[in-house]
Amino acid sequence: MPDSIVRLKFVDLFEMALSMDLLEGAVIKGRVSDGSEIEVQFSARALAKLESFLVHANVEQAKHHSSH
């Protein structure tokens, strides 16, 4: 049976813990739309990919906002 996609709508992020060991990654804690608290653990590789995605998103947003 294939894995199903879990979709969460984050409404608040309230804590981020980065490991001092670059190989360990990070933990981000937040709250989703139903009020539940969620803890997401990122490997170092996943954290690097997330950072890259966010940089790309910021560049695209800057292009959009500078054109107005």
N, C-alpha and C. Protein backbone atom coordinates (compact mmCIF):
# COMPACT_ATOMS: atom_id res chain seq x y z
N MET A 1 0.85 -1.19 0.00
CA MET A 1 0.00 0.00 0.00
C MET A 1 0.89 1.25 0.00
N PRO A 2 0.66 2.18 -0.91
CA PRO A 2 1.49 3.39 -0.96
C PRO A 2 1.22 4.28 0.25
N ASP A 3 2.27 5.02 0.62
CA ASP A 3 2.12 5.98 1.72
C ASP A 3 1.19 7.10 1.28
N SER A 4 0.34 7.55 2.18
CA SER A 4 -0.52 8.67 1.86
C SER A 4 0.16 9.97 2.28
N ILE A 5 -0.23 11.04 1.65
CA ILE A 5 0.34 12.36 1.95
C ILE A 5 -0.36 12.92 3.17
N VAL A 6 0.42 13.43 4.11
CA VAL A 6 -0.13 14.10 5.28
C VAL A 6 0.04 15.60 5.05
N ARG A 7 -1.05 16.31 5.05
CA ARG A 7 -1.00 17.76 4.85
C ARG A 7 -1.32 18.46 6.16
N LEU A 8 -0.45 19.37 6.53
CA LEU A 8 -0.63 20.15 7.76
C LEU A 8 -0.56 21.62 7.41
N LYS A 9 -1.47 22.40 7.94
CA LYS A 9 -1.43 23.85 7.75
C LYS A 9 -0.89 24.45 9.04
N PHE A 10 0.36 24.93 8.98
CA PHE A 10 0.95 25.55 10.16
C PHE A 10 0.38 26.96 10.33
N VAL A 11 -0.04 27.28 11.53
CA VAL A 11 -0.55 28.61 11.82
C VAL A 11 0.41 29.39 12.73
N ASP A 12 1.37 28.68 13.32
CA ASP A 12 2.33 29.33 14.21
C ASP A 12 3.57 28.46 14.34
N LEU A 13 4.72 29.07 14.34
CA LEU A 13 5.97 28.40 14.65
C LEU A 13 6.51 29.07 15.91
N PHE A 14 6.87 28.28 16.90
CA PHE A 14 7.29 28.93 18.14
C PHE A 14 8.63 28.48 18.68
N GLU A 15 9.27 27.54 18.05
CA GLU A 15 10.59 27.14 18.54
C GLU A 15 11.36 26.44 17.43
N MET A 16 12.66 26.72 17.37
CA MET A 16 13.55 26.02 16.45
C MET A 16 14.82 25.72 17.19
N ALA A 17 15.25 24.48 17.15
CA ALA A 17 16.49 24.08 17.80
C ALA A 17 17.43 23.53 16.74
N LEU A 18 18.56 24.18 16.58
CA LEU A 18 19.58 23.73 15.65
C LEU A 18 20.66 22.99 16.42
N SER A 19 21.10 21.88 15.90
CA SER A 19 22.17 21.14 16.54
C SER A 19 23.49 21.83 16.26
N MET A 20 24.39 21.80 17.22
CA MET A 20 25.73 22.32 16.99
C MET A 20 26.53 21.36 16.11
N ASP A 21 26.08 20.13 16.01
CA ASP A 21 26.70 19.15 15.13
C ASP A 21 26.06 19.29 13.76
N LEU A 22 26.82 19.71 12.77
CA LEU A 22 26.28 19.99 11.45
C LEU A 22 25.65 18.76 10.79
N LEU A 23 25.93 17.58 11.28
CA LEU A 23 25.38 16.36 10.69
C LEU A 23 24.01 16.01 11.26
N GLU A 24 23.57 16.70 12.32
CA GLU A 24 22.32 16.33 12.99
C GLU A 24 21.10 17.07 12.50
N GLY A 25 21.20 18.29 12.02
CA GLY A 25 20.04 19.01 11.52
C GLY A 25 19.34 19.88 12.54
N ALA A 26 18.00 19.84 12.54
CA ALA A 26 17.24 20.76 13.37
C ALA A 26 15.88 20.17 13.73
N VAL A 27 15.26 20.77 14.75
CA VAL A 27 13.91 20.45 15.15
C VAL A 27 13.13 21.77 15.15
N ILE A 28 11.97 21.76 14.50
CA ILE A 28 11.10 22.93 14.48
C ILE A 28 9.78 22.54 15.12
N LYS A 29 9.33 23.36 16.07
CA LYS A 29 8.06 23.09 16.74
C LYS A 29 7.06 24.18 16.36
N GLY A 30 5.82 23.76 16.19
CA GLY A 30 4.80 24.72 15.81
C GLY A 30 3.42 24.21 16.14
N ARG A 31 2.44 24.97 15.68
CA ARG A 31 1.04 24.65 15.93
C ARG A 31 0.34 24.63 14.58
N VAL A 32 -0.52 23.64 14.40
CA VAL A 32 -1.28 23.53 13.15
C VAL A 32 -2.69 24.05 13.36
N SER A 33 -3.45 24.10 12.27
CA SER A 33 -4.75 24.77 12.29
C SER A 33 -5.74 24.20 13.30
N ASP A 34 -5.64 22.93 13.65
CA ASP A 34 -6.58 22.39 14.65
C ASP A 34 -6.11 22.62 16.08
N GLY A 35 -4.99 23.33 16.26
CA GLY A 35 -4.47 23.65 17.59
C GLY A 35 -3.44 22.67 18.10
N SER A 36 -3.24 21.55 17.41
CA SER A 36 -2.26 20.56 17.84
C SER A 36 -0.84 21.10 17.68
N GLU A 37 0.03 20.73 18.62
CA GLU A 37 1.43 21.09 18.49
C GLU A 37 2.14 19.98 17.73
N ILE A 38 3.04 20.40 16.85
CA ILE A 38 3.76 19.47 15.98
C ILE A 38 5.26 19.71 16.14
N GLU A 39 6.02 18.63 16.14
CA GLU A 39 7.48 18.73 16.15
C GLU A 39 7.98 18.07 14.87
N VAL A 40 8.75 18.81 14.08
CA VAL A 40 9.29 18.30 12.82
C VAL A 40 10.80 18.21 12.96
N GLN A 41 11.33 17.01 12.75
CA GLN A 41 12.77 16.80 12.84
C GLN A 41 13.34 16.72 11.43
N PHE A 42 14.35 17.56 11.16
CA PHE A 42 15.00 17.61 9.85
C PHE A 42 16.40 17.03 9.96
N SER A 43 16.73 16.13 9.05
CA SER A 43 18.12 15.70 8.94
C SER A 43 18.93 16.89 8.41
N ALA A 44 20.23 16.81 8.50
CA ALA A 44 21.07 17.90 7.98
C ALA A 44 20.82 18.12 6.49
N ARG A 45 20.66 17.03 5.75
CA ARG A 45 20.42 17.14 4.31
C ARG A 45 19.06 17.79 4.03
N ALA A 46 18.04 17.36 4.74
CA ALA A 46 16.71 17.95 4.54
C ALA A 46 16.70 19.42 4.92
N LEU A 47 17.41 19.77 5.99
CA LEU A 47 17.48 21.18 6.41
C LEU A 47 18.17 22.02 5.34
N ALA A 48 19.23 21.51 4.75
CA ALA A 48 19.93 22.24 3.68
C ALA A 48 19.00 22.45 2.49
N LYS A 49 18.20 21.43 2.14
CA LYS A 49 17.25 21.57 1.03
C LYS A 49 16.18 22.59 1.36
N LEU A 50 15.67 22.57 2.60
CA LEU A 50 14.66 23.55 3.01
C LEU A 50 15.23 24.96 2.91
N GLU A 51 16.45 25.15 3.39
CA GLU A 51 17.08 26.47 3.30
C GLU A 51 17.20 26.93 1.85
N SER A 52 17.57 26.01 0.97
CA SER A 52 17.69 26.34 -0.45
C SER A 52 16.34 26.73 -1.03
N PHE A 53 15.29 25.98 -0.70
CA PHE A 53 13.94 26.30 -1.18
C PHE A 53 13.52 27.69 -0.70
N LEU A 54 13.80 28.00 0.56
CA LEU A 54 13.40 29.30 1.12
C LEU A 54 14.16 30.45 0.46
N VAL A 55 15.44 30.25 0.17
CA VAL A 55 16.22 31.29 -0.52
C VAL A 55 15.61 31.53 -1.90
N HIS A 56 15.29 30.45 -2.61
CA HIS A 56 14.69 30.58 -3.94
C HIS A 56 13.34 31.32 -3.84
N ALA A 57 12.53 30.97 -2.86
CA ALA A 57 11.23 31.63 -2.69
C ALA A 57 11.41 33.11 -2.39
N ASN A 58 12.40 33.45 -1.58
CA ASN A 58 12.64 34.86 -1.26
C ASN A 58 13.07 35.64 -2.50
N VAL A 59 13.91 35.04 -3.34
CA VAL A 59 14.34 35.70 -4.57
C VAL A 59 13.14 35.94 -5.48
N GLU A 60 12.29 34.93 -5.63
CA GLU A 60 11.11 35.08 -6.48
C GLU A 60 10.15 36.14 -5.94
N GLN A 61 9.97 36.17 -4.64
CA GLN A 61 9.10 37.20 -4.04
C GLN A 61 9.68 38.59 -4.24
N ALA A 62 10.99 38.71 -4.11
CA ALA A 62 11.64 40.01 -4.31
C ALA A 62 11.44 40.49 -5.74
N LYS A 63 11.52 39.60 -6.70
CA LYS A 63 11.28 39.97 -8.10
C LYS A 63 9.85 40.48 -8.27
N HIS A 64 8.90 39.78 -7.66
CA HIS A 64 7.49 40.16 -7.76
C HIS A 64 7.23 41.51 -7.12
N HIS A 65 7.78 41.72 -5.93
CA HIS A 65 7.52 42.97 -5.21
C HIS A 65 8.24 44.16 -5.82
N SER A 66 9.39 43.93 -6.43
CA SER A 66 10.11 45.06 -7.03
C SER A 66 9.48 45.53 -8.32
N SER A 67 8.59 44.71 -8.90
CA SER A 67 7.94 45.10 -10.15
C SER A 67 6.69 45.94 -9.93
N HIS A 68 6.29 46.15 -8.68
CA HIS A 68 5.09 46.95 -8.41
C HIS A 68 5.42 48.36 -8.06
